[in-house]
Protein backbone atom coordinates (compact mmCIF):
# COMPACT_ATOMS: atom_id res chain seq x y z
CA UNK A 1 -54.90 -16.28 -80.13
CA UNK A 2 -53.18 -14.06 -82.46
CA UNK A 3 -54.03 -10.71 -81.48
CA UNK A 4 -50.33 -11.48 -80.97
CA UNK A 5 -49.75 -11.94 -84.63
CA UNK A 6 -52.12 -9.34 -85.94
CA UNK A 7 -50.13 -6.87 -83.83
CA UNK A 8 -47.08 -7.30 -85.97
CA UNK A 9 -49.10 -8.04 -89.09
CA UNK A 10 -50.42 -4.63 -88.70
CA UNK A 11 -46.91 -3.11 -88.53
CA UNK A 12 -45.91 -5.31 -91.47
CA UNK A 13 -48.66 -3.81 -93.64
CA UNK A 14 -47.54 -0.34 -92.67
CA UNK A 15 -43.85 -0.85 -93.34
CA UNK A 16 -43.71 -3.14 -96.36
CA UNK A 17 -44.66 -0.44 -98.80
CA UNK A 18 -40.94 0.08 -99.05
CA UNK A 19 -37.78 -1.70 -98.23
CA UNK A 20 -34.31 -0.77 -97.00
CA UNK A 21 -31.01 -0.67 -98.86
CA UNK A 22 -28.63 2.00 -97.57
CA UNK A 23 -28.74 5.27 -95.80
CA UNK A 24 -29.95 8.29 -97.69
CA UNK A 25 -30.52 11.89 -96.59
CA UNK A 26 -33.05 13.01 -99.27
CA UNK A 27 -36.58 11.79 -99.69
CA UNK A 28 -38.65 12.20 -102.83
CA UNK A 29 -41.65 9.98 -102.03
CA UNK A 30 -43.98 10.09 -98.95
CA UNK A 31 -46.44 7.45 -98.04
CA UNK A 32 -49.08 8.34 -95.47
CA UNK A 33 -51.42 5.86 -93.92
CA UNK A 34 -54.46 7.50 -92.34
CA UNK A 35 -56.53 6.23 -89.43
CA UNK A 36 -58.97 4.82 -91.89
CA UNK A 37 -56.20 2.87 -93.53
CA UNK A 38 -54.84 1.61 -90.20
CA UNK A 39 -58.33 0.49 -89.11
CA UNK A 40 -58.94 -1.29 -92.50
CA UNK A 41 -55.66 -3.20 -92.28
CA UNK A 42 -56.18 -4.01 -88.57
CA UNK A 43 -59.68 -5.45 -89.12
CA UNK A 44 -58.50 -7.54 -92.08
CA UNK A 45 -55.40 -8.87 -90.34
CA UNK A 46 -57.10 -9.60 -87.05
CA UNK A 47 -59.30 -12.16 -88.79
CA UNK A 48 -56.39 -13.49 -90.88
CA UNK A 49 -54.06 -13.80 -87.91
CA UNK A 50 -56.64 -15.53 -85.68
CA UNK A 51 -57.34 -18.12 -88.30
CA UNK A 52 -53.60 -18.76 -88.81
CA UNK A 53 -52.72 -19.72 -85.18
CA UNK A 54 -55.80 -21.71 -84.03
CA UNK A 55 -55.28 -24.17 -82.40
CA UNK A 56 -52.82 -22.76 -79.88
CA UNK A 57 -51.25 -25.20 -77.41
CA UNK A 58 -50.79 -24.26 -73.74
CA UNK A 59 -48.16 -26.09 -71.66
CA UNK A 60 -49.39 -28.83 -69.30
CA UNK A 61 -49.99 -28.06 -65.61
CA UNK A 62 -49.31 -30.34 -62.62
CA UNK A 63 -50.45 -29.68 -59.12
CA UNK A 64 -50.76 -31.45 -55.77
CA UNK A 65 -53.90 -30.90 -53.72
CA UNK A 66 -54.38 -31.73 -50.03
CA UNK A 67 -57.86 -33.13 -49.21
CA UNK A 68 -58.86 -34.02 -45.60
CA UNK A 69 -58.97 -37.85 -44.96
CA UNK A 70 -57.65 -38.54 -48.46
CA UNK A 71 -54.28 -36.83 -48.21
CA UNK A 72 -52.32 -35.51 -51.24
CA UNK A 73 -53.81 -35.88 -54.69
CA UNK A 74 -51.76 -35.36 -57.86
CA UNK A 75 -53.76 -33.62 -60.57
CA UNK A 76 -52.50 -33.09 -64.20
CA UNK A 77 -54.11 -30.80 -66.73
CA UNK A 78 -52.78 -31.66 -70.28
CA UNK A 79 -53.46 -31.08 -73.94
CA UNK A 80 -54.72 -27.62 -73.03
CA UNK A 81 -55.62 -26.02 -76.42
CA UNK A 82 -57.20 -22.73 -77.48
CA UNK A 83 -59.50 -23.78 -80.34
CA UNK A 84 -61.66 -20.67 -80.67
CA UNK A 85 -60.99 -16.95 -80.28
CA UNK A 86 -63.13 -13.88 -80.60
CA UNK A 87 -61.92 -10.25 -80.31
CA UNK A 88 -64.73 -7.99 -79.32
CA UNK A 89 -62.87 -4.73 -80.00
CA UNK A 90 -59.41 -3.56 -80.87
CA UNK A 91 -57.72 -0.30 -81.75
CA UNK A 92 -54.38 1.01 -82.80
CA UNK A 93 -53.00 4.31 -81.48
CA UNK A 94 -49.93 6.16 -82.67
CA UNK A 95 -47.62 7.77 -80.20
CA UNK A 96 -44.43 9.85 -80.44
CA UNK A 97 -42.01 6.90 -80.72
CA UNK A 98 -44.19 4.01 -81.77
CA UNK A 99 -47.43 2.17 -82.13
CA UNK A 100 -49.74 1.01 -79.32
CA UNK A 101 -52.12 -1.84 -80.05
CA UNK A 102 -54.85 -2.94 -77.69
CA UNK A 103 -57.43 -5.81 -77.94
CA UNK A 104 -60.16 -5.81 -75.29
CA UNK A 105 -63.19 -7.96 -74.43
CA UNK A 106 -61.45 -10.97 -75.98
CA UNK A 107 -62.90 -14.39 -75.23
CA UNK A 108 -61.33 -17.77 -76.08
CA UNK A 109 -62.54 -21.39 -75.67
CA UNK A 110 -60.18 -24.07 -74.59
CA UNK A 111 -60.34 -27.88 -74.33
CA UNK A 112 -58.18 -29.95 -71.95
CA UNK A 113 -57.67 -33.37 -70.45
CA UNK A 114 -57.63 -33.90 -66.63
CA UNK A 115 -56.20 -36.75 -64.61
CA UNK A 116 -55.83 -37.37 -60.90
CA UNK A 117 -54.38 -40.08 -58.73
CA UNK A 118 -53.73 -40.63 -55.04
CA UNK A 119 -52.72 -43.52 -52.84
CA UNK A 120 -54.83 -44.87 -49.85
CA UNK A 121 -53.26 -46.46 -46.84
CA UNK A 122 -56.29 -48.63 -45.95
CA UNK A 123 -56.00 -50.80 -47.89
CA UNK A 124 -52.89 -49.83 -49.77
CA UNK A 125 -53.86 -49.09 -53.30
CA UNK A 126 -53.79 -46.29 -55.94
CA UNK A 127 -57.00 -44.62 -57.04
CA UNK A 128 -57.22 -42.53 -60.24
CA UNK A 129 -59.74 -40.94 -62.53
CA UNK A 130 -59.64 -38.86 -65.70
CA UNK A 131 -61.79 -37.04 -68.21
CA UNK A 132 -62.02 -33.96 -70.40
CA UNK A 133 -63.02 -30.35 -69.66
CA UNK A 134 -64.02 -27.20 -71.54
CA UNK A 135 -62.61 -23.87 -70.49
CA UNK A 136 -63.88 -20.39 -71.32
CA UNK A 137 -61.72 -17.30 -70.82
CA UNK A 138 -63.58 -14.01 -70.80
CA UNK A 139 -62.68 -10.33 -70.63
CA UNK A 140 -59.07 -10.86 -71.73
CA UNK A 141 -57.06 -7.60 -72.40
CA UNK A 142 -53.96 -7.65 -74.58
CA UNK A 143 -51.75 -4.74 -75.28
CA UNK A 144 -48.33 -3.91 -76.62
CA UNK A 145 -46.19 -0.96 -77.50
CA UNK A 146 -43.79 -1.14 -80.42
CA UNK A 147 -40.96 1.23 -81.35
CA UNK A 148 -40.28 2.13 -84.98
CA UNK A 149 -37.01 3.67 -86.01
CA UNK A 150 -34.86 3.90 -89.20
CA UNK A 151 -31.57 2.07 -88.94
CA UNK A 152 -28.96 2.51 -91.63
CA UNK A 153 -31.64 2.87 -94.25
CA UNK A 154 -33.70 0.08 -92.82
CA UNK A 155 -36.52 -0.08 -90.27
CA UNK A 156 -35.88 -1.27 -86.72
CA UNK A 157 -38.84 -2.73 -84.89
CA UNK A 158 -38.56 -3.16 -81.09
CA UNK A 159 -40.99 -4.29 -78.35
CA UNK A 160 -41.19 -1.65 -75.66
CA UNK A 161 -43.95 -3.09 -73.51
CA UNK A 162 -46.42 -5.91 -73.69
CA UNK A 163 -49.10 -7.36 -71.40
CA UNK A 164 -51.90 -9.84 -71.28
CA UNK A 165 -54.55 -10.03 -68.49
CA UNK A 166 -57.25 -12.70 -68.00
CA UNK A 167 -60.27 -11.32 -66.13
CA UNK A 168 -62.40 -14.42 -65.70
CA UNK A 169 -62.17 -18.11 -66.37
CA UNK A 170 -64.62 -20.98 -65.99
CA UNK A 171 -64.04 -24.75 -66.19
CA UNK A 172 -66.64 -27.43 -66.83
CA UNK A 173 -65.53 -31.04 -66.43
CA UNK A 174 -66.80 -34.08 -68.26
CA UNK A 175 -66.13 -37.82 -67.85
CA UNK A 176 -65.21 -39.88 -64.74
CA UNK A 177 -66.65 -38.69 -61.49
CA UNK A 178 -66.41 -35.06 -62.68
CA UNK A 179 -69.09 -33.89 -60.46
CA UNK A 180 -67.10 -34.89 -57.44
CA UNK A 181 -63.84 -33.30 -58.64
CA UNK A 182 -65.22 -30.10 -60.04
CA UNK A 183 -64.15 -28.07 -57.05
CA UNK A 184 -60.71 -29.60 -57.05
CA UNK A 185 -60.11 -28.78 -60.77
CA UNK A 186 -61.44 -25.23 -60.11
CA UNK A 187 -58.33 -24.74 -58.15
CA UNK A 188 -56.43 -24.69 -61.43
CA UNK A 189 -58.16 -21.47 -62.62
CA UNK A 190 -55.37 -19.17 -61.62
CA UNK A 191 -52.68 -21.46 -63.12
CA UNK A 192 -54.54 -21.91 -66.37
CA UNK A 193 -55.11 -18.15 -66.60
CA UNK A 194 -51.44 -17.47 -65.90
CA UNK A 195 -50.38 -20.03 -68.52
CA UNK A 196 -52.70 -18.41 -71.14
CA UNK A 197 -51.10 -14.98 -70.31
CA UNK A 198 -47.51 -16.23 -70.46
CA UNK A 199 -48.03 -18.18 -73.65
CA UNK A 200 -49.47 -15.15 -75.35
CA UNK A 201 -46.64 -12.90 -74.01
CA UNK A 202 -44.02 -15.35 -75.27
CA UNK A 203 -45.71 -15.53 -78.71
CA UNK A 204 -45.82 -11.81 -78.88
CA UNK A 205 -42.12 -11.41 -78.07
CA UNK A 206 -41.22 -14.13 -80.69
CA UNK A 207 -43.41 -12.49 -83.31
CA UNK A 208 -41.89 -9.07 -82.88
CA UNK A 209 -38.39 -10.50 -83.05
CA UNK A 210 -39.34 -12.50 -86.26
CA UNK A 211 -40.77 -9.44 -87.90
CA UNK A 212 -37.72 -7.36 -87.03
CA UNK A 213 -35.48 -9.98 -88.75
CA UNK A 214 -37.87 -10.15 -91.66
CA UNK A 215 -37.86 -6.39 -92.28
CA UNK A 216 -34.06 -6.46 -92.51
CA UNK A 217 -34.24 -9.08 -95.28
CA UNK A 218 -36.72 -7.27 -97.55
CA UNK A 219 -35.78 -6.55 -101.16
CA UNK A 220 -33.94 -3.29 -101.78
CA UNK A 221 -35.84 -2.12 -104.84
CA UNK A 222 -38.95 -2.54 -106.91
CA UNK A 223 -38.16 -3.70 -110.49
CA UNK A 224 -39.70 -1.55 -113.26
CA UNK A 225 -38.14 -3.23 -116.27
CA UNK A 226 -34.78 -4.71 -117.30
CA UNK A 227 -33.18 -1.25 -117.17
CA UNK A 228 -34.71 0.45 -114.10
CA UNK A 229 -35.87 -0.11 -110.61
CA UNK A 230 -37.28 2.11 -107.80
CA UNK A 231 -35.01 2.85 -104.85
CA UNK A 232 -37.27 2.35 -101.82
CA UNK A 233 -34.81 3.08 -99.07
CA UNK A 234 -36.03 4.61 -95.76
CA UNK A 235 -34.51 8.08 -95.31
CA UNK A 236 -35.85 9.12 -91.84
CA UNK A 237 -37.67 7.65 -88.83
CA UNK A 238 -41.40 7.11 -89.43
CA UNK A 239 -43.33 10.24 -88.69
CA UNK A 240 -46.20 9.41 -86.21
CA UNK A 241 -49.10 11.73 -85.60
CA UNK A 242 -52.34 11.27 -83.80
CA UNK A 243 -54.24 9.80 -86.79
CA UNK A 244 -51.57 8.89 -89.35
CA UNK A 245 -48.15 7.48 -89.95
CA UNK A 246 -45.85 8.75 -92.69
CA UNK A 247 -42.86 6.93 -94.20
CA UNK A 248 -40.26 8.84 -96.17
CA UNK A 249 -38.40 6.90 -98.84
CA UNK A 250 -35.86 7.77 -101.48
CA UNK A 251 -38.21 6.95 -104.32
CA UNK A 252 -35.85 7.74 -107.23
CA UNK A 253 -35.17 5.46 -110.16
CA UNK A 254 -32.00 3.40 -110.11
CA UNK A 255 -30.28 1.21 -112.66
CA UNK A 256 -31.49 -2.32 -112.38
CA UNK A 257 -29.14 -4.65 -110.41
CA UNK A 258 -26.57 -1.89 -109.66
CA UNK A 259 -28.27 0.30 -107.08
CA UNK A 260 -26.76 3.32 -108.88
CA UNK A 261 -29.16 6.13 -107.97
CA UNK A 262 -29.60 9.08 -110.28
CA UNK A 263 -29.91 11.92 -107.76
CA UNK A 264 -31.77 15.12 -108.21
CA UNK A 265 -30.35 18.49 -107.25
CA UNK A 266 -33.70 19.64 -105.96
CA UNK A 267 -34.66 19.43 -102.26
CA UNK A 268 -38.03 18.34 -101.16
CA UNK A 269 -40.09 19.87 -98.45
CA UNK A 270 -40.59 18.01 -95.15
CA UNK A 271 -43.46 15.48 -95.00
CA UNK A 272 -46.88 17.17 -94.65
CA UNK A 273 -49.27 16.25 -91.95
CA UNK A 274 -51.96 15.50 -94.51
CA UNK A 275 -51.35 14.78 -98.25
CA UNK A 276 -54.98 13.92 -99.02
CA UNK A 277 -57.83 16.38 -98.28
CA UNK A 278 -59.43 15.56 -94.94
CA UNK A 279 -57.47 12.20 -94.71
CA UNK A 280 -60.65 10.65 -96.03
CA UNK A 281 -58.73 8.08 -98.12
CA UNK A 282 -56.88 5.22 -96.48
CA UNK A 283 -53.55 5.87 -98.27
CA UNK A 284 -51.68 8.83 -99.76
CA UNK A 285 -48.59 8.44 -101.90
CA UNK A 286 -46.82 11.77 -102.72
CA UNK A 287 -44.16 11.78 -105.45
CA UNK A 288 -41.89 14.74 -106.15
CA UNK A 289 -41.20 15.76 -109.72
CA UNK A 290 -37.60 14.63 -109.02
CA UNK A 291 -38.93 11.01 -109.28
CA UNK A 292 -40.08 11.52 -112.83
CA UNK A 293 -36.83 13.39 -113.74
CA UNK A 294 -34.73 10.57 -112.28
CA UNK A 295 -36.56 8.11 -114.59
CA UNK A 296 -35.92 10.41 -117.56
CA UNK A 297 -32.24 10.76 -116.71
CA UNK A 298 -31.89 7.01 -116.33
CA UNK A 299 -33.38 6.15 -119.69
CA UNK A 300 -31.50 9.02 -121.36
CA UNK A 301 -28.17 7.78 -119.94
CA UNK A 302 -28.98 4.26 -121.10
CA UNK A 303 -29.16 5.67 -124.56
CA UNK A 304 -32.77 4.51 -124.69
CA UNK A 305 -34.12 7.74 -126.22
CA UNK A 306 -33.00 7.55 -129.86
CA UNK A 307 -35.25 6.64 -132.81
CA UNK A 308 -34.67 6.05 -136.50
CA UNK A 309 -37.76 7.16 -138.49
CA UNK A 310 -37.87 5.47 -141.89
CA UNK A 311 -41.60 5.45 -142.26
CA UNK A 312 -44.22 7.98 -141.31
CA UNK A 313 -47.71 6.50 -140.96
CA UNK A 314 -50.05 7.69 -143.69
CA UNK A 315 -47.29 9.89 -145.21
CA UNK A 316 -44.90 9.37 -148.13
CA UNK A 317 -42.43 11.87 -146.83
CA UNK A 318 -39.09 10.12 -146.73
CA UNK A 319 -37.89 10.72 -150.26
CA UNK A 320 -35.96 13.73 -151.46
CA UNK A 321 -38.50 14.22 -154.20
CA UNK A 322 -41.10 15.21 -151.58
CA UNK A 323 -38.64 17.85 -150.24
CA UNK A 324 -37.71 19.48 -153.56
CA UNK A 325 -39.71 22.65 -152.93
CA UNK A 326 -38.77 22.77 -149.22
CA UNK A 327 -35.01 22.12 -149.58
CA UNK A 328 -34.30 22.37 -153.32
CA UNK A 329 -30.52 21.91 -152.84
CA UNK A 330 -31.14 18.59 -151.16
CA UNK A 331 -33.13 17.28 -154.10
CA UNK A 332 -30.54 18.60 -156.60
CA UNK A 333 -27.68 16.84 -154.79
CA UNK A 334 -29.57 13.61 -154.09
CA UNK A 335 -32.41 13.28 -156.57
CA UNK A 336 -35.10 10.71 -155.78
CA UNK A 337 -33.16 9.14 -152.88
CA UNK A 338 -34.80 7.54 -149.84
CA UNK A 339 -34.19 9.22 -146.50
CA UNK A 340 -34.56 8.60 -142.85
CA UNK A 341 -34.67 10.81 -139.78
CA UNK A 342 -32.52 10.11 -136.71
CA UNK A 343 -34.11 11.61 -133.62
CA UNK A 344 -32.09 11.53 -130.41
CA UNK A 345 -32.53 13.51 -127.18
CA UNK A 346 -29.67 15.93 -126.48
CA UNK A 347 -30.48 16.08 -122.75
CA UNK A 348 -32.82 14.30 -120.34
CA UNK A 349 -36.48 15.45 -120.53
CA UNK A 350 -37.46 17.79 -117.73
CA UNK A 351 -40.82 17.29 -115.97
CA UNK A 352 -42.55 20.23 -114.23
CA UNK A 353 -45.57 19.76 -111.99
CA UNK A 354 -47.86 22.58 -110.76
CA UNK A 355 -51.42 22.75 -109.47
CA UNK A 356 -52.77 23.31 -112.95
CA UNK A 357 -50.25 21.63 -115.18
CA UNK A 358 -48.06 18.58 -115.65
CA UNK A 359 -45.64 19.29 -118.47
CA UNK A 360 -42.36 18.16 -119.96
CA UNK A 361 -39.68 19.92 -121.98
CA UNK A 362 -37.64 17.79 -124.40
CA UNK A 363 -34.57 18.88 -126.24
CA UNK A 364 -33.73 16.70 -129.25
CA UNK A 365 -31.58 16.64 -132.35
CA UNK A 366 -33.21 15.64 -135.66
CA UNK A 367 -30.58 14.47 -138.21
CA UNK A 368 -31.71 14.22 -141.87
CA UNK A 369 -30.07 11.22 -143.48
CA UNK A 370 -29.95 10.35 -147.22
CA UNK A 371 -29.81 6.61 -148.04
CA UNK A 372 -27.51 6.23 -151.12
CA UNK A 373 -26.55 2.67 -152.06
CA UNK A 374 -25.21 1.13 -148.82
CA UNK A 375 -24.38 4.50 -147.30
CA UNK A 376 -26.26 6.60 -144.76
CA UNK A 377 -25.27 10.21 -145.44
CA UNK A 378 -26.06 12.83 -142.74
CA UNK A 379 -26.90 16.10 -144.52
CA UNK A 380 -28.31 18.40 -141.83
CA UNK A 381 -29.07 18.51 -138.08
CA UNK A 382 -31.98 20.53 -136.54
CA UNK A 383 -32.18 21.18 -132.80
CA UNK A 384 -35.76 20.80 -131.40
CA UNK A 385 -37.25 22.09 -128.24
CA UNK A 386 -40.47 20.25 -127.71
CA UNK A 387 -43.00 21.20 -125.08
CA UNK A 388 -45.75 18.79 -124.11
CA UNK A 389 -48.49 18.52 -121.45
CA UNK A 390 -49.18 15.29 -119.63
CA UNK A 391 -52.24 13.51 -118.08
CA UNK A 392 -51.72 11.02 -115.27
CA UNK A 393 -53.87 8.06 -114.30
CA UNK A 394 -53.77 5.13 -111.94
CA UNK A 395 -54.06 1.67 -113.53
CA UNK A 396 -54.20 -1.00 -110.85
CA UNK A 397 -51.14 -0.44 -108.70
CA UNK A 398 -49.29 1.44 -111.53
CA UNK A 399 -49.02 5.10 -112.25
CA UNK A 400 -49.17 5.71 -115.93
CA UNK A 401 -50.20 8.56 -118.21
CA UNK A 402 -49.98 10.16 -121.65
CA UNK A 403 -48.48 13.18 -123.28
CA UNK A 404 -49.67 15.55 -126.05
CA UNK A 405 -47.70 18.01 -128.09
CA UNK A 406 -48.26 21.62 -127.17
CA UNK A 407 -45.68 23.36 -129.35
CA UNK A 408 -42.01 23.18 -130.43
CA UNK A 409 -39.29 25.44 -131.76
CA UNK A 410 -36.39 24.63 -134.17
CA UNK A 411 -32.96 25.90 -134.85
CA UNK A 412 -30.35 24.79 -137.31
CA UNK A 413 -27.43 23.07 -135.65
CA UNK A 414 -25.36 22.26 -138.73
CA UNK A 415 -25.82 21.60 -142.49
CA UNK A 416 -23.85 20.11 -145.39
CA UNK A 417 -26.35 21.36 -147.92
CA UNK A 418 -26.39 25.08 -147.20
CA UNK A 419 -28.99 27.18 -145.22
CA UNK A 420 -32.43 25.74 -144.62
CA UNK A 421 -35.76 27.61 -144.51
CA UNK A 422 -36.91 26.13 -141.19
CA UNK A 423 -40.44 27.62 -141.37
CA UNK A 424 -40.90 25.48 -144.50
CA UNK A 425 -39.84 22.40 -142.59
CA UNK A 426 -42.15 23.02 -139.66
CA UNK A 427 -45.16 21.06 -141.01
CA UNK A 428 -43.04 18.04 -141.74
CA UNK A 429 -41.41 18.09 -138.30
CA UNK A 430 -44.79 18.57 -136.69
CA UNK A 431 -46.15 15.49 -138.54
CA UNK A 432 -43.13 13.42 -137.47
CA UNK A 433 -43.50 14.37 -133.80
CA UNK A 434 -47.21 13.84 -133.81
CA UNK A 435 -47.25 10.51 -135.65
CA UNK A 436 -44.02 8.92 -134.41
CA UNK A 437 -42.54 10.54 -131.31
CA UNK A 438 -45.74 11.16 -129.38
CA UNK A 439 -47.37 7.69 -129.94
CA UNK A 440 -43.98 6.01 -129.05
CA UNK A 441 -43.79 7.95 -125.80
CA UNK A 442 -47.41 7.24 -124.95
CA UNK A 443 -46.87 3.53 -125.59
CA UNK A 444 -44.40 3.49 -122.83
CA UNK A 445 -46.05 5.91 -120.55
CA UNK A 446 -49.34 3.92 -120.67
CA UNK A 447 -47.56 0.96 -119.05
CA UNK A 448 -46.57 3.17 -116.15
CA UNK A 449 -44.39 2.20 -113.21
CA UNK A 450 -45.36 0.34 -110.00
CA UNK A 451 -46.29 2.38 -106.99
CA UNK A 452 -44.91 1.11 -103.62
CA UNK A 453 -47.82 -1.09 -102.54
CA UNK A 454 -47.59 -4.30 -100.63
CA UNK A 455 -48.26 -7.41 -102.70
CA UNK A 456 -51.82 -8.64 -102.19
CA UNK A 457 -53.30 -5.20 -101.81
CA UNK A 458 -54.72 -3.05 -104.62
CA UNK A 459 -55.65 0.63 -104.94
CA UNK A 460 -59.33 1.36 -105.25
CA UNK A 461 -61.13 4.53 -106.20
CA UNK A 462 -57.81 6.34 -106.60
CA UNK A 463 -57.57 10.05 -107.21
CA UNK A 464 -54.62 12.18 -108.42
CA UNK A 465 -54.01 15.59 -106.94
CA UNK A 466 -51.35 17.93 -108.37
CA UNK A 467 -49.56 20.56 -106.25
CA UNK A 468 -46.44 22.61 -106.57
CA UNK A 469 -43.70 20.12 -107.80
CA UNK A 470 -45.64 17.05 -106.44
CA UNK A 471 -48.40 14.72 -107.48
CA UNK A 472 -50.29 12.71 -104.87
CA UNK A 473 -52.26 9.48 -105.32
CA UNK A 474 -55.05 9.35 -102.73
CA UNK A 475 -56.73 5.97 -102.56
CA UNK A 476 -58.61 3.44 -100.54
CA UNK A 477 -57.21 -0.11 -100.54
CA UNK A 478 -58.74 -3.53 -101.03
CA UNK A 479 -57.26 -6.95 -100.35
CA UNK A 480 -57.34 -9.70 -102.95
CA UNK A 481 -56.76 -13.34 -101.88
CA UNK A 482 -54.05 -15.38 -103.49
CA UNK A 483 -56.20 -16.59 -106.35
CA UNK A 484 -57.14 -13.04 -107.37
CA UNK A 485 -54.28 -10.60 -106.94
CA UNK A 486 -51.81 -9.88 -109.68
CA UNK A 487 -48.08 -10.23 -109.24
CA UNK A 488 -46.81 -6.60 -109.03
CA UNK A 489 -45.14 -4.41 -106.53
CA UNK A 490 -43.43 -5.72 -103.42
CA UNK A 491 -43.82 -9.41 -102.69
CA UNK A 492 -43.67 -11.14 -99.34
CA UNK A 493 -41.51 -14.29 -99.06
CA UNK A 494 -43.49 -17.46 -98.44
CA UNK A 495 -40.88 -19.07 -96.20
CA UNK A 496 -42.43 -17.81 -92.98
CA UNK A 497 -45.56 -19.83 -92.02
CA UNK A 498 -47.31 -16.81 -90.50
CA UNK A 499 -47.15 -15.11 -93.92
CA UNK A 500 -48.53 -18.11 -95.82
CA UNK A 501 -51.99 -17.69 -94.34
CA UNK A 502 -52.13 -14.03 -95.09
CA UNK A 503 -51.16 -14.52 -98.77
């Protein structure tokens, strides 16, 4: 009967888009689940949960019944099992401090064994009979109220109230002299109903406790690659409104396996009540530009942004002979020598997001090297300020994109071969940036990074909306069974049997 379990499956789906590590005060990623999203997950998980717990065993019932002329009769109802369950309607409602979940019009079918015995005094002997029976419970109402709070960077789940009420129950006996004992077994209706109610209530309490423990054991970050991971720590209590729930997480990039977070100095506005127009989409994921800048800072600090250019596609540029009219003194000092260009970023790239534009400013040093015998001889260094514009797109559950060169400026940082006419160098530098730097950047940007989506779900019909300093992914979601879904994003452990059925 797991309306019980779908209750906490529902909360699981809402909360596992992120996982706790340690307390933070700043949030740079918001995830909003609209009423459409809640209803989608609820409908999916009701069916999954029901299938996962059928059959459900109810404790045996014993009772003594007084019958005129016969005396006391001992009756036992055993092997009482719910084997079929149907939820007519259910809804989830968000309150100020938690989530209320109600299932109404629920029916379930049970099977059971019955046995009676009594002793006669004329003549002394024991008489017994037994058989089976079918039971139908109708009009069952189940409801619970769950509290959601952040707790030291994690999420605390608590059961505030729960209840189950059986409206009507009918019993039909089979076997033995069942027609004779039908009235006697009907006396068990109240006890059977009470047992169904208490079993469901106990399962409900156990399930919430299990989920609370499970949430505390979630992974602390989403791996991106061997250098980086996403910090997905809760920063505030969930924000519950009439038709949506919002989770605030840190969202910045961290060094893989160290939890060292590269913080941004910018502060983010409080979570909006709606991050997708009209809340028509099931899910909205809003990322501050600080998320992208933390990634840039991480890879910069890891000395990942340095390139040696010893070949330019389609160009025979890297020999001093090709530069004899641009930098004559270079050719005179090193005639017909091969060259390479050492490009390294002098500071982390800076990403700026507005309603009309996603751009990046990159400061880099370009060192001109001459290759002479076994020596690499630096001869000049040019400072570059590169300005590019970006395009973002959603690929599966990843956010990726591309960049194109808008313009750049140059200044001479130092030279061992005298002054350089930079305007003559501009076409060569433009070619290097366009044919080497931009394709390299796009190769990595195309792979993207994982959005905080629970494993087994995938984004569908996603749209990207840019606003001042933020981008938002608005999307519906679809569920893929275990034979279809790719391994990306957050994964659920398979140690818990109630998870196995879902995945």
